[in-house]
């Protein structure tokens, strides 16, 4: 999965996206000007290949929301978690509504998925996670993430949880450094509980790995680790969906060789798709190195991630469901919720 340069596809973008190793595009704030432009860009990406590439973005809410003007402002997950502490039922309802708004607005642009929810526990030490986390308590995170994922599904998207097995207990930011989590396995079980809950509920079609070394268990970062992907995630938790790396351009991965080498490490460990963003030369080199790579099982898992129920934006914005849901996000929980799964 790669990025593109700007508001429309360049000839160089089109050539790269036609390469057989490319399976998706991730969009950033620089790719957005207005809803009409975004719809045109997504249509152009889809026209490049048949079957079409996956189109994704990071659209969690709070400070991680790539598209803003023309989209509903999504609250941080911490806000929903704090609501849980005072009124758990209303917070669960708000989580579901939030997931539905995220999915329905992105699906109106024909975007397949958002890398959300963030299910890291808020251990109070990670600034890069911080308000992106629902709560400190595993049970609360599990419950809110489940409701949020239900809302995503009703809006036409699957859930892609991150950052497995847990990013909330390290100070270092993996965008800038390679974090090391020295906790033992018994404590890490708390961080994995939301994944176990979502997998058990059959609500999870994607998992994005962390760029963290859990030194008591493996010497490799989780995204390069067969222990975490094959043993823990697939065998122990029974997960059968798609596994993504976090962006391999992040500084946490730099000591693990060239970009093609990092991609191979991740794929050999069990990842289904690698992300290479904001480094076109490295992306081109990786695509060339993987030209002959094929994993039929990964293709099946990734095919399940395509969005469903594409609704015209004008139809969505005129619907009672959208008007009620966005009013709740904008003005608070005193506004009654409408049933979203009619």
C-alpha atoms as a PDB file:
ATOM      1  CA  UNK A   1       0.000   0.000   0.000  1.00  0.00           C
ATOM      2  CA  UNK A   2       1.479   3.279  -1.189  1.00  0.00           C
ATOM      3  CA  UNK A   3       0.680   7.003  -1.121  1.00  0.00           C
ATOM      4  CA  UNK A   4       0.202   9.406  -4.020  1.00  0.00           C
ATOM      5  CA  UNK A   5       1.650  12.853  -4.417  1.00  0.00           C
ATOM      6  CA  UNK A   6      -1.188  15.365  -4.430  1.00  0.00           C
ATOM      7  CA  UNK A   7      -4.774  16.241  -5.251  1.00  0.00           C
ATOM      8  CA  UNK A   8      -4.880  14.273  -8.505  1.00  0.00           C
ATOM      9  CA  UNK A   9      -2.931  11.397  -9.987  1.00  0.00           C
ATOM     10  CA  UNK A  10       0.272  12.214 -11.840  1.00  0.00           C
ATOM     11  CA  UNK A  11       1.570  10.041 -14.696  1.00  0.00           C
ATOM     12  CA  UNK A  12       4.222   8.742 -12.272  1.00  0.00           C
ATOM     13  CA  UNK A  13       1.496   7.809  -9.764  1.00  0.00           C
ATOM     14  CA  UNK A  14      -0.413   5.888 -12.435  1.00  0.00           C
ATOM     15  CA  UNK A  15       2.652   3.988 -13.577  1.00  0.00           C
ATOM     16  CA  UNK A  16       3.506   2.951 -10.033  1.00  0.00           C
ATOM     17  CA  UNK A  17      -0.042   1.927  -9.140  1.00  0.00           C
ATOM     18  CA  UNK A  18      -0.170  -0.375 -12.165  1.00  0.00           C
ATOM     19  CA  UNK A  19       2.716  -2.453 -10.795  1.00  0.00           C
ATOM     20  CA  UNK A  20       1.521  -5.952  -9.789  1.00  0.00           C
ATOM     21  CA  UNK A  21       2.936  -5.725  -6.266  1.00  0.00           C
ATOM     22  CA  UNK A  22       0.770  -2.684  -5.425  1.00  0.00           C
ATOM     23  CA  UNK A  23      -2.512  -3.561  -3.710  1.00  0.00           C
ATOM     24  CA  UNK A  24      -3.728  -0.286  -2.257  1.00  0.00           C
ATOM     25  CA  UNK A  25      -3.416   3.455  -1.774  1.00  0.00           C
ATOM     26  CA  UNK A  26      -3.448   5.376   1.503  1.00  0.00           C
ATOM     27  CA  UNK A  27      -4.612   8.987   1.366  1.00  0.00           C
ATOM     28  CA  UNK A  28      -3.286  11.823   3.544  1.00  0.00           C
ATOM     29  CA  UNK A  29      -4.357  15.401   4.280  1.00  0.00           C
ATOM     30  CA  UNK A  30      -2.284  16.640   1.340  1.00  0.00           C
ATOM     31  CA  UNK A  31      -4.567  14.610  -0.950  1.00  0.00           C
ATOM     32  CA  UNK A  32      -7.673  16.489   0.184  1.00  0.00           C
ATOM     33  CA  UNK A  33      -9.055  19.868  -0.868  1.00  0.00           C
ATOM     34  CA  UNK A  34     -12.819  19.328  -0.928  1.00  0.00           C
ATOM     35  CA  UNK A  35     -15.309  16.449  -1.259  1.00  0.00           C
ATOM     36  CA  UNK A  36     -15.662  16.795  -5.047  1.00  0.00           C
ATOM     37  CA  UNK A  37     -11.904  16.683  -5.564  1.00  0.00           C
ATOM     38  CA  UNK A  38     -11.572  13.682  -3.248  1.00  0.00           C
ATOM     39  CA  UNK A  39     -14.313  11.780  -5.064  1.00  0.00           C
ATOM     40  CA  UNK A  40     -12.544  12.451  -8.371  1.00  0.00           C
ATOM     41  CA  UNK A  41      -9.210  11.282  -6.971  1.00  0.00           C
ATOM     42  CA  UNK A  42     -10.679   8.055  -5.611  1.00  0.00           C
ATOM     43  CA  UNK A  43     -12.437   7.406  -8.933  1.00  0.00           C
ATOM     44  CA  UNK A  44      -9.145   7.882 -10.760  1.00  0.00           C
ATOM     45  CA  UNK A  45      -7.386   5.447  -8.424  1.00  0.00           C
ATOM     46  CA  UNK A  46     -10.114   2.871  -8.968  1.00  0.00           C
ATOM     47  CA  UNK A  47      -9.846   3.280 -12.745  1.00  0.00           C
ATOM     48  CA  UNK A  48      -6.142   2.388 -12.745  1.00  0.00           C
ATOM     49  CA  UNK A  49      -6.643  -1.324 -12.118  1.00  0.00           C
ATOM     50  CA  UNK A  50      -9.249  -4.074 -12.371  1.00  0.00           C
ATOM     51  CA  UNK A  51     -10.073  -5.378  -9.837  1.00  0.00           C
ATOM     52  CA  UNK A  52      -9.624  -1.975  -8.197  1.00  0.00           C
ATOM     53  CA  UNK A  53      -7.012  -1.157  -5.566  1.00  0.00           C
ATOM     54  CA  UNK A  54      -7.980  -0.785  -1.937  1.00  0.00           C
ATOM     55  CA  UNK A  55      -8.310   2.867  -0.928  1.00  0.00           C
ATOM     56  CA  UNK A  56      -7.624   3.663   2.732  1.00  0.00           C
ATOM     57  CA  UNK A  57      -6.921   6.535   5.091  1.00  0.00           C
ATOM     58  CA  UNK A  58      -6.269   7.269   8.767  1.00  0.00           C
ATOM     59  CA  UNK A  59      -9.534   8.714  10.075  1.00  0.00           C
ATOM     60  CA  UNK A  60      -9.730   7.855  13.780  1.00  0.00           C
ATOM     61  CA  UNK A  61     -11.040  11.146  15.100  1.00  0.00           C
ATOM     62  CA  UNK A  62      -9.506  13.764  17.358  1.00  0.00           C
ATOM     63  CA  UNK A  63      -6.077  14.766  16.067  1.00  0.00           C
ATOM     64  CA  UNK A  64      -5.954  11.892  13.560  1.00  0.00           C
ATOM     65  CA  UNK A  65      -8.471  12.878  10.893  1.00  0.00           C
ATOM     66  CA  UNK A  66      -7.126  13.423   7.386  1.00  0.00           C
ATOM     67  CA  UNK A  67     -10.204  15.113   5.885  1.00  0.00           C
ATOM     68  CA  UNK A  68     -11.770  17.990   7.820  1.00  0.00           C
ATOM     69  CA  UNK A  69     -13.529  20.746   5.835  1.00  0.00           C
ATOM     70  CA  UNK A  70     -16.717  19.161   4.538  1.00  0.00           C
ATOM     71  CA  UNK A  71     -16.499  16.241   6.967  1.00  0.00           C
ATOM     72  CA  UNK A  72     -17.908  15.890  10.464  1.00  0.00           C
ATOM     73  CA  UNK A  73     -15.380  16.592  13.226  1.00  0.00           C
ATOM     74  CA  UNK A  74     -14.915  13.217  14.927  1.00  0.00           C
ATOM     75  CA  UNK A  75     -14.292  13.323  18.705  1.00  0.00           C
ATOM     76  CA  UNK A  76     -11.198  11.759  20.186  1.00  0.00           C
ATOM     77  CA  UNK A  77     -11.624   8.268  21.572  1.00  0.00           C
ATOM     78  CA  UNK A  78     -10.565   9.600  24.969  1.00  0.00           C
ATOM     79  CA  UNK A  79     -13.679  11.799  25.014  1.00  0.00           C
ATOM     80  CA  UNK A  80     -15.831   8.702  24.543  1.00  0.00           C
ATOM     81  CA  UNK A  81     -13.920   6.893  27.274  1.00  0.00           C
ATOM     82  CA  UNK A  82     -14.460   9.734  29.718  1.00  0.00           C
ATOM     83  CA  UNK A  83     -18.139   9.674  28.903  1.00  0.00           C
ATOM     84  CA  UNK A  84     -18.111   5.974  29.809  1.00  0.00           C
ATOM     85  CA  UNK A  85     -16.917   6.822  33.311  1.00  0.00           C
ATOM     86  CA  UNK A  86     -20.034   8.916  33.926  1.00  0.00           C
ATOM     87  CA  UNK A  87     -22.593   7.068  31.778  1.00  0.00           C
ATOM     88  CA  UNK A  88     -21.511   3.786  30.214  1.00  0.00           C
ATOM     89  CA  UNK A  89     -24.651   3.252  28.148  1.00  0.00           C
ATOM     90  CA  UNK A  90     -24.460   6.671  26.508  1.00  0.00           C
ATOM     91  CA  UNK A  91     -20.752   6.187  25.786  1.00  0.00           C
ATOM     92  CA  UNK A  92     -21.403   2.854  24.088  1.00  0.00           C
ATOM     93  CA  UNK A  93     -24.093   4.531  22.004  1.00  0.00           C
ATOM     94  CA  UNK A  94     -21.728   7.390  21.161  1.00  0.00           C
ATOM     95  CA  UNK A  95     -18.997   4.939  20.118  1.00  0.00           C
ATOM     96  CA  UNK A  96     -21.376   3.194  17.726  1.00  0.00           C
ATOM     97  CA  UNK A  97     -22.583   6.518  16.325  1.00  0.00           C
ATOM     98  CA  UNK A  98     -18.998   7.681  15.851  1.00  0.00           C
ATOM     99  CA  UNK A  99     -18.049   4.542  13.935  1.00  0.00           C
ATOM    100  CA  UNK A 100     -21.116   4.912  11.730  1.00  0.00           C
ATOM    101  CA  UNK A 101     -20.339   8.554  10.878  1.00  0.00           C
ATOM    102  CA  UNK A 102     -16.703   7.754  10.073  1.00  0.00           C
ATOM    103  CA  UNK A 103     -17.662   4.878   7.779  1.00  0.00           C
ATOM    104  CA  UNK A 104     -20.684   6.446   6.101  1.00  0.00           C
ATOM    105  CA  UNK A 105     -18.886   9.677   5.222  1.00  0.00           C
ATOM    106  CA  UNK A 106     -15.843   7.860   3.848  1.00  0.00           C
ATOM    107  CA  UNK A 107     -17.969   5.365   1.942  1.00  0.00           C
ATOM    108  CA  UNK A 108     -19.773   8.299   0.321  1.00  0.00           C
ATOM    109  CA  UNK A 109     -16.349   9.095  -1.155  1.00  0.00           C
ATOM    110  CA  UNK A 110     -15.948   5.408  -2.170  1.00  0.00           C
ATOM    111  CA  UNK A 111     -13.060   4.938   0.287  1.00  0.00           C
ATOM    112  CA  UNK A 112     -12.841   1.321   1.424  1.00  0.00           C
ATOM    113  CA  UNK A 113     -11.439   1.520   4.925  1.00  0.00           C
ATOM    114  CA  UNK A 114      -9.987   3.615   7.678  1.00  0.00           C
ATOM    115  CA  UNK A 115      -7.227   2.312   9.918  1.00  0.00           C
ATOM    116  CA  UNK A 116      -9.408   2.459  13.007  1.00  0.00           C
ATOM    117  CA  UNK A 117     -10.184   1.819  15.852  1.00  0.00           C
ATOM    118  CA  UNK A 118      -7.083   2.462  17.911  1.00  0.00           C
ATOM    119  CA  UNK A 119      -7.436  -0.053  20.753  1.00  0.00           C
ATOM    120  CA  UNK A 120      -4.208   0.705  22.609  1.00  0.00           C
ATOM    121  CA  UNK A 121      -4.683   1.052  26.358  1.00  0.00           C
ATOM    122  CA  UNK A 122      -4.019   4.489  27.811  1.00  0.00           C
ATOM    123  CA  UNK A 123      -1.232   3.658  30.258  1.00  0.00           C
ATOM    124  CA  UNK A 124      -0.549   7.394  30.643  1.00  0.00           C
ATOM    125  CA  UNK A 125       2.976   7.371  29.182  1.00  0.00           C
ATOM    126  CA  UNK A 126       2.628   7.484  25.380  1.00  0.00           C
ATOM    127  CA  UNK A 127       2.153  10.956  23.918  1.00  0.00           C
ATOM    128  CA  UNK A 128       1.794   9.599  20.370  1.00  0.00           C
ATOM    129  CA  UNK A 129      -1.192   7.518  21.522  1.00  0.00           C
ATOM    130  CA  UNK A 130      -2.580   9.739  24.277  1.00  0.00           C
ATOM    131  CA  UNK A 131      -6.097  10.902  23.425  1.00  0.00           C
ATOM    132  CA  UNK A 132      -6.324   8.342  20.619  1.00  0.00           C
ATOM    133  CA  UNK A 133      -6.960   5.651  23.251  1.00  0.00           C
ATOM    134  CA  UNK A 134     -10.452   4.998  24.585  1.00  0.00           C
ATOM    135  CA  UNK A 135      -9.421   4.236  28.157  1.00  0.00           C
ATOM    136  CA  UNK A 136      -6.898   2.708  30.527  1.00  0.00           C
ATOM    137  CA  UNK A 137      -9.086  -0.284  31.422  1.00  0.00           C
ATOM    138  CA  UNK A 138      -9.062  -3.218  29.017  1.00  0.00           C
ATOM    139  CA  UNK A 139     -12.732  -4.010  29.559  1.00  0.00           C
ATOM    140  CA  UNK A 140     -13.822  -0.477  28.721  1.00  0.00           C
ATOM    141  CA  UNK A 141     -11.636  -0.380  25.601  1.00  0.00           C
ATOM    142  CA  UNK A 142     -13.035  -3.751  24.519  1.00  0.00           C
ATOM    143  CA  UNK A 143     -16.629  -2.637  24.980  1.00  0.00           C
ATOM    144  CA  UNK A 144     -16.244   0.724  23.266  1.00  0.00           C
ATOM    145  CA  UNK A 145     -14.183  -0.680  20.407  1.00  0.00           C
ATOM    146  CA  UNK A 146     -16.841  -3.327  19.831  1.00  0.00           C
ATOM    147  CA  UNK A 147     -19.589  -0.699  19.630  1.00  0.00           C
ATOM    148  CA  UNK A 148     -17.453   1.503  17.370  1.00  0.00           C
ATOM    149  CA  UNK A 149     -16.759  -1.474  15.087  1.00  0.00           C
ATOM    150  CA  UNK A 150     -20.467  -2.235  14.898  1.00  0.00           C
ATOM    151  CA  UNK A 151     -21.043   1.331  13.764  1.00  0.00           C
ATOM    152  CA  UNK A 152     -18.314   0.989  11.136  1.00  0.00           C
ATOM    153  CA  UNK A 153     -19.943  -2.172   9.807  1.00  0.00           C
ATOM    154  CA  UNK A 154     -23.360  -0.542   9.584  1.00  0.00           C
ATOM    155  CA  UNK A 155     -21.745   2.333   7.674  1.00  0.00           C
ATOM    156  CA  UNK A 156     -20.167  -0.046   5.143  1.00  0.00           C
ATOM    157  CA  UNK A 157     -16.653  -0.574   6.527  1.00  0.00           C
ATOM    158  CA  UNK A 158     -14.773  -3.245   8.408  1.00  0.00           C
ATOM    159  CA  UNK A 159     -12.694  -2.538  11.506  1.00  0.00           C
ATOM    160  CA  UNK A 160      -8.887  -2.428  11.317  1.00  0.00           C
ATOM    161  CA  UNK A 161      -7.580  -2.343  14.889  1.00  0.00           C
ATOM    162  CA  UNK A 162      -4.153  -1.045  15.871  1.00  0.00           C
ATOM    163  CA  UNK A 163      -1.366  -1.241  17.060  1.00  0.00           C
ATOM    164  CA  UNK A 164      -0.989  -4.951  17.922  1.00  0.00           C
ATOM    165  CA  UNK A 165      -0.133  -6.117  20.535  1.00  0.00           C
ATOM    166  CA  UNK A 166      -0.213  -2.659  22.184  1.00  0.00           C
ATOM    167  CA  UNK A 167       1.482   0.740  21.809  1.00  0.00           C
ATOM    168  CA  UNK A 168       0.233   2.504  24.916  1.00  0.00           C
ATOM    169  CA  UNK A 169       2.957   1.581  27.425  1.00  0.00           C
ATOM    170  CA  UNK A 170       6.069   3.016  25.733  1.00  0.00           C
ATOM    171  CA  UNK A 171       7.286   6.603  25.865  1.00  0.00           C
ATOM    172  CA  UNK A 172       9.151   6.574  22.536  1.00  0.00           C
ATOM    173  CA  UNK A 173       7.302   7.489  19.333  1.00  0.00           C
ATOM    174  CA  UNK A 174       7.928   4.867  16.641  1.00  0.00           C
ATOM    175  CA  UNK A 175       7.748   7.608  13.995  1.00  0.00           C
ATOM    176  CA  UNK A 176      11.055   8.850  15.447  1.00  0.00           C
ATOM    177  CA  UNK A 177      12.648   5.953  17.354  1.00  0.00           C
ATOM    178  CA  UNK A 178      12.404   2.204  17.984  1.00  0.00           C
ATOM    179  CA  UNK A 179      10.474   1.738  21.251  1.00  0.00           C
ATOM    180  CA  UNK A 180      11.225  -1.197  23.537  1.00  0.00           C
ATOM    181  CA  UNK A 181       8.497  -2.525  25.807  1.00  0.00           C
ATOM    182  CA  UNK A 182      10.089  -4.533  28.654  1.00  0.00           C
ATOM    183  CA  UNK A 183       6.882  -5.750  30.298  1.00  0.00           C
ATOM    184  CA  UNK A 184       6.327  -9.464  30.742  1.00  0.00           C
ATOM    185  CA  UNK A 185       3.711 -11.463  28.898  1.00  0.00           C
ATOM    186  CA  UNK A 186       1.217 -11.500  31.749  1.00  0.00           C
ATOM    187  CA  UNK A 187       0.913  -7.715  31.651  1.00  0.00           C
ATOM    188  CA  UNK A 188       0.742  -7.617  27.848  1.00  0.00           C
ATOM    189  CA  UNK A 189      -2.335  -9.828  27.992  1.00  0.00           C
ATOM    190  CA  UNK A 190      -4.272  -6.745  29.113  1.00  0.00           C
ATOM    191  CA  UNK A 191      -3.258  -4.926  25.911  1.00  0.00           C
ATOM    192  CA  UNK A 192      -4.365  -7.872  23.782  1.00  0.00           C
ATOM    193  CA  UNK A 193      -7.769  -8.200  25.406  1.00  0.00           C
ATOM    194  CA  UNK A 194      -9.556  -5.787  22.998  1.00  0.00           C
ATOM    195  CA  UNK A 195      -8.297  -7.832  20.035  1.00  0.00           C
ATOM    196  CA  UNK A 196      -9.522 -11.024  21.675  1.00  0.00           C
ATOM    197  CA  UNK A 197     -12.944  -9.430  22.191  1.00  0.00           C
ATOM    198  CA  UNK A 198     -13.244  -8.147  18.618  1.00  0.00           C
ATOM    199  CA  UNK A 199     -12.027 -11.439  17.150  1.00  0.00           C
ATOM    200  CA  UNK A 200     -14.447 -13.394  19.304  1.00  0.00           C
ATOM    201  CA  UNK A 201     -17.283 -11.156  18.095  1.00  0.00           C
ATOM    202  CA  UNK A 202     -16.162 -11.613  14.461  1.00  0.00           C
ATOM    203  CA  UNK A 203     -15.821  -7.846  14.173  1.00  0.00           C
ATOM    204  CA  UNK A 204     -12.214  -7.628  13.056  1.00  0.00           C
ATOM    205  CA  UNK A 205     -11.112  -7.913   9.408  1.00  0.00           C
ATOM    206  CA  UNK A 206      -7.794  -6.076   9.730  1.00  0.00           C
ATOM    207  CA  UNK A 207      -5.015  -5.641  12.288  1.00  0.00           C
ATOM    208  CA  UNK A 208      -2.154  -3.151  12.013  1.00  0.00           C
ATOM    209  CA  UNK A 209       1.042  -4.138  13.820  1.00  0.00           C
ATOM    210  CA  UNK A 210       3.184  -1.934  16.057  1.00  0.00           C
ATOM    211  CA  UNK A 211       6.813  -1.023  15.415  1.00  0.00           C
ATOM    212  CA  UNK A 212       7.792  -1.991  18.979  1.00  0.00           C
ATOM    213  CA  UNK A 213      10.167  -4.626  20.349  1.00  0.00           C
ATOM    214  CA  UNK A 214       8.651  -6.540  23.271  1.00  0.00           C
ATOM    215  CA  UNK A 215      12.033  -7.585  24.584  1.00  0.00           C
ATOM    216  CA  UNK A 216      10.889 -10.248  27.059  1.00  0.00           C
ATOM    217  CA  UNK A 217       9.341 -12.224  24.189  1.00  0.00           C
ATOM    218  CA  UNK A 218      11.085 -11.506  20.883  1.00  0.00           C
ATOM    219  CA  UNK A 219      14.023  -9.497  19.612  1.00  0.00           C
ATOM    220  CA  UNK A 220      12.180  -8.237  16.521  1.00  0.00           C
ATOM    221  CA  UNK A 221       9.536  -5.494  16.304  1.00  0.00           C
ATOM    222  CA  UNK A 222       6.031  -6.956  16.240  1.00  0.00           C
ATOM    223  CA  UNK A 223       5.521  -6.223  12.537  1.00  0.00           C
ATOM    224  CA  UNK A 224       8.586  -8.320  11.676  1.00  0.00           C
ATOM    225  CA  UNK A 225       7.838 -11.042  14.220  1.00  0.00           C
ATOM    226  CA  UNK A 226       6.380 -14.454  13.405  1.00  0.00           C
ATOM    227  CA  UNK A 227       5.974 -14.906  17.171  1.00  0.00           C
ATOM    228  CA  UNK A 228       3.488 -12.043  17.373  1.00  0.00           C
ATOM    229  CA  UNK A 229       1.750 -12.561  14.033  1.00  0.00           C
ATOM    230  CA  UNK A 230       1.681 -16.337  13.663  1.00  0.00           C
ATOM    231  CA  UNK A 231       1.870 -17.573  17.241  1.00  0.00           C
ATOM    232  CA  UNK A 232      -0.059 -14.986  19.242  1.00  0.00           C
ATOM    233  CA  UNK A 233      -2.398 -13.270  16.792  1.00  0.00           C
ATOM    234  CA  UNK A 234      -3.298 -16.170  14.526  1.00  0.00           C
ATOM    235  CA  UNK A 235      -2.784 -19.310  16.642  1.00  0.00           C
ATOM    236  CA  UNK A 236      -3.598 -18.110  20.153  1.00  0.00           C
ATOM    237  CA  UNK A 237      -6.290 -15.518  19.355  1.00  0.00           C
ATOM    238  CA  UNK A 238      -7.664 -17.361  16.331  1.00  0.00           C
ATOM    239  CA  UNK A 239      -7.482 -14.372  13.999  1.00  0.00           C
ATOM    240  CA  UNK A 240      -7.975 -15.068  10.277  1.00  0.00           C
ATOM    241  CA  UNK A 241      -8.137 -11.550   8.800  1.00  0.00           C
ATOM    242  CA  UNK A 242      -5.601  -9.306   7.091  1.00  0.00           C
ATOM    243  CA  UNK A 243      -2.429  -8.128   8.851  1.00  0.00           C
ATOM    244  CA  UNK A 244      -0.792  -4.796   7.945  1.00  0.00           C
ATOM    245  CA  UNK A 245       2.534  -3.331   8.897  1.00  0.00           C
ATOM    246  CA  UNK A 246       2.582   0.200  10.155  1.00  0.00           C
ATOM    247  CA  UNK A 247       4.384   2.513   7.740  1.00  0.00           C
ATOM    248  CA  UNK A 248       7.801   1.018   7.000  1.00  0.00           C
ATOM    249  CA  UNK A 249       9.172   4.523   6.402  1.00  0.00           C
ATOM    250  CA  UNK A 250       8.934   5.231  10.125  1.00  0.00           C
ATOM    251  CA  UNK A 251      12.318   5.613  11.807  1.00  0.00           C
ATOM    252  CA  UNK A 252      11.687   2.642  14.099  1.00  0.00           C
ATOM    253  CA  UNK A 253      12.392   0.276  11.188  1.00  0.00           C
ATOM    254  CA  UNK A 254      15.530   1.860   9.759  1.00  0.00           C
ATOM    255  CA  UNK A 255      18.007  -0.527  11.361  1.00  0.00           C
ATOM    256  CA  UNK A 256      16.373  -3.471   9.589  1.00  0.00           C
ATOM    257  CA  UNK A 257      17.843  -2.868   6.145  1.00  0.00           C
ATOM    258  CA  UNK A 258      16.647  -1.361   2.906  1.00  0.00           C
ATOM    259  CA  UNK A 259      12.956  -0.827   2.315  1.00  0.00           C
ATOM    260  CA  UNK A 260      12.675  -3.968   0.162  1.00  0.00           C
ATOM    261  CA  UNK A 261      14.417  -5.920   2.948  1.00  0.00           C
ATOM    262  CA  UNK A 262      12.004  -4.571   5.560  1.00  0.00           C
ATOM    263  CA  UNK A 263       9.052  -5.472   3.353  1.00  0.00           C
ATOM    264  CA  UNK A 264      10.353  -9.025   2.951  1.00  0.00           C
ATOM    265  CA  UNK A 265      10.892  -9.367   6.701  1.00  0.00           C
ATOM    266  CA  UNK A 266       7.288  -8.351   7.339  1.00  0.00           C
ATOM    267  CA  UNK A 267       5.812 -10.588   4.636  1.00  0.00           C
ATOM    268  CA  UNK A 268       7.906 -13.567   5.741  1.00  0.00           C
ATOM    269  CA  UNK A 269       6.713 -13.023   9.323  1.00  0.00           C
ATOM    270  CA  UNK A 270       3.085 -13.253   8.180  1.00  0.00           C
ATOM    271  CA  UNK A 271       1.948  -9.757   7.199  1.00  0.00           C
ATOM    272  CA  UNK A 272      -0.443  -9.585   4.264  1.00  0.00           C
ATOM    273  CA  UNK A 273       0.243  -5.991   3.210  1.00  0.00           C
ATOM    274  CA  UNK A 274       3.089  -3.574   3.880  1.00  0.00           C
ATOM    275  CA  UNK A 275       2.732   0.211   3.964  1.00  0.00           C
ATOM    276  CA  UNK A 276       5.467   2.339   2.373  1.00  0.00           C
ATOM    277  CA  UNK A 277       4.596   6.032   2.574  1.00  0.00           C
ATOM    278  CA  UNK A 278       6.209   9.415   1.913  1.00  0.00           C
ATOM    279  CA  UNK A 279       9.300   7.963   0.237  1.00  0.00           C
ATOM    280  CA  UNK A 280       8.730   7.474  -3.490  1.00  0.00           C
ATOM    281  CA  UNK A 281      12.215   6.101  -4.319  1.00  0.00           C
ATOM    282  CA  UNK A 282      11.899   3.483  -1.544  1.00  0.00           C
ATOM    283  CA  UNK A 283       8.368   2.646  -2.652  1.00  0.00           C
ATOM    284  CA  UNK A 284       9.506   2.148  -6.244  1.00  0.00           C
ATOM    285  CA  UNK A 285      12.404  -0.058  -5.150  1.00  0.00           C
ATOM    286  CA  UNK A 286      10.104  -2.162  -2.968  1.00  0.00           C
ATOM    287  CA  UNK A 287       7.513  -2.582  -5.704  1.00  0.00           C
ATOM    288  CA  UNK A 288      10.234  -3.700  -8.121  1.00  0.00           C
ATOM    289  CA  UNK A 289      11.694  -6.164  -5.605  1.00  0.00           C
ATOM    290  CA  UNK A 290       8.269  -7.710  -4.962  1.00  0.00           C
ATOM    291  CA  UNK A 291       7.164  -7.877  -8.592  1.00  0.00           C
ATOM    292  CA  UNK A 292       7.085 -11.681  -8.544  1.00  0.00           C
ATOM    293  CA  UNK A 293       5.747 -12.016  -5.001  1.00  0.00           C
ATOM    294  CA  UNK A 294       2.368 -13.660  -4.564  1.00  0.00           C
ATOM    295  CA  UNK A 295       0.390 -14.975  -1.613  1.00  0.00           C
ATOM    296  CA  UNK A 296      -3.075 -16.206  -2.624  1.00  0.00           C
ATOM    297  CA  UNK A 297      -4.289 -16.391   0.986  1.00  0.00           C
ATOM    298  CA  UNK A 298      -3.317 -12.757   1.540  1.00  0.00           C
ATOM    299  CA  UNK A 299      -5.277 -11.777  -1.552  1.00  0.00           C
ATOM    300  CA  UNK A 300      -8.377 -13.467  -0.119  1.00  0.00           C
ATOM    301  CA  UNK A 301      -7.970 -11.687   3.227  1.00  0.00           C
ATOM    302  CA  UNK A 302      -7.434  -8.308   1.576  1.00  0.00           C
ATOM    303  CA  UNK A 303     -10.424  -8.753  -0.725  1.00  0.00           C
ATOM    304  CA  UNK A 304     -12.662  -8.840   2.361  1.00  0.00           C
ATOM    305  CA  UNK A 305     -11.653  -5.252   3.194  1.00  0.00           C
ATOM    306  CA  UNK A 306     -13.419  -3.554   0.305  1.00  0.00           C
ATOM    307  CA  UNK A 307     -16.222  -1.274   1.466  1.00  0.00           C
ATOM    308  CA  UNK A 308     -19.892  -1.980   0.877  1.00  0.00           C
ATOM    309  CA  UNK A 309     -23.009   0.114   0.351  1.00  0.00           C
ATOM    310  CA  UNK A 310     -21.614   3.128  -1.505  1.00  0.00           C
ATOM    311  CA  UNK A 311     -24.209   5.909  -0.988  1.00  0.00           C
ATOM    312  CA  UNK A 312     -24.158   9.223  -2.814  1.00  0.00           C
ATOM    313  CA  UNK A 313     -22.876  12.003  -0.562  1.00  0.00           C
ATOM    314  CA  UNK A 314     -25.941  14.157  -1.188  1.00  0.00           C
ATOM    315  CA  UNK A 315     -28.222  11.285  -0.184  1.00  0.00           C
ATOM    316  CA  UNK A 316     -26.239  10.663   2.993  1.00  0.00           C
ATOM    317  CA  UNK A 317     -26.229  14.310   4.078  1.00  0.00           C
ATOM    318  CA  UNK A 318     -29.983  14.551   3.599  1.00  0.00           C
ATOM    319  CA  UNK A 319     -30.748  11.422   5.623  1.00  0.00           C
ATOM    320  CA  UNK A 320     -32.308  11.508   9.082  1.00  0.00           C
ATOM    321  CA  UNK A 321     -29.676   9.040  10.302  1.00  0.00           C
ATOM    322  CA  UNK A 322     -26.775  11.325   9.346  1.00  0.00           C
ATOM    323  CA  UNK A 323     -28.449  14.460  10.652  1.00  0.00           C
ATOM    324  CA  UNK A 324     -29.158  12.831  14.009  1.00  0.00           C
ATOM    325  CA  UNK A 325     -25.736  11.202  14.302  1.00  0.00           C
ATOM    326  CA  UNK A 326     -23.731  14.305  13.455  1.00  0.00           C
ATOM    327  CA  UNK A 327     -25.858  16.436  15.777  1.00  0.00           C
ATOM    328  CA  UNK A 328     -24.956  14.056  18.608  1.00  0.00           C
ATOM    329  CA  UNK A 329     -21.250  14.355  17.812  1.00  0.00           C
ATOM    330  CA  UNK A 330     -21.475  18.127  17.505  1.00  0.00           C
ATOM    331  CA  UNK A 331     -23.664  19.017  20.477  1.00  0.00           C
ATOM    332  CA  UNK A 332     -23.387  16.117  22.853  1.00  0.00           C
ATOM    333  CA  UNK A 333     -25.386  13.175  24.051  1.00  0.00           C
ATOM    334  CA  UNK A 334     -28.597  14.975  24.954  1.00  0.00           C
ATOM    335  CA  UNK A 335     -29.727  14.488  21.366  1.00  0.00           C
ATOM    336  CA  UNK A 336     -31.591  11.175  21.048  1.00  0.00           C
ATOM    337  CA  UNK A 337     -29.986   8.496  18.883  1.00  0.00           C
ATOM    338  CA  UNK A 338     -31.793   7.040  15.905  1.00  0.00           C
ATOM    339  CA  UNK A 339     -31.572   3.328  15.148  1.00  0.00           C
ATOM    340  CA  UNK A 340     -28.790   3.005  12.553  1.00  0.00           C
ATOM    341  CA  UNK A 341     -29.240  -0.600  11.500  1.00  0.00           C
ATOM    342  CA  UNK A 342     -32.766  -0.376  10.099  1.00  0.00           C
END
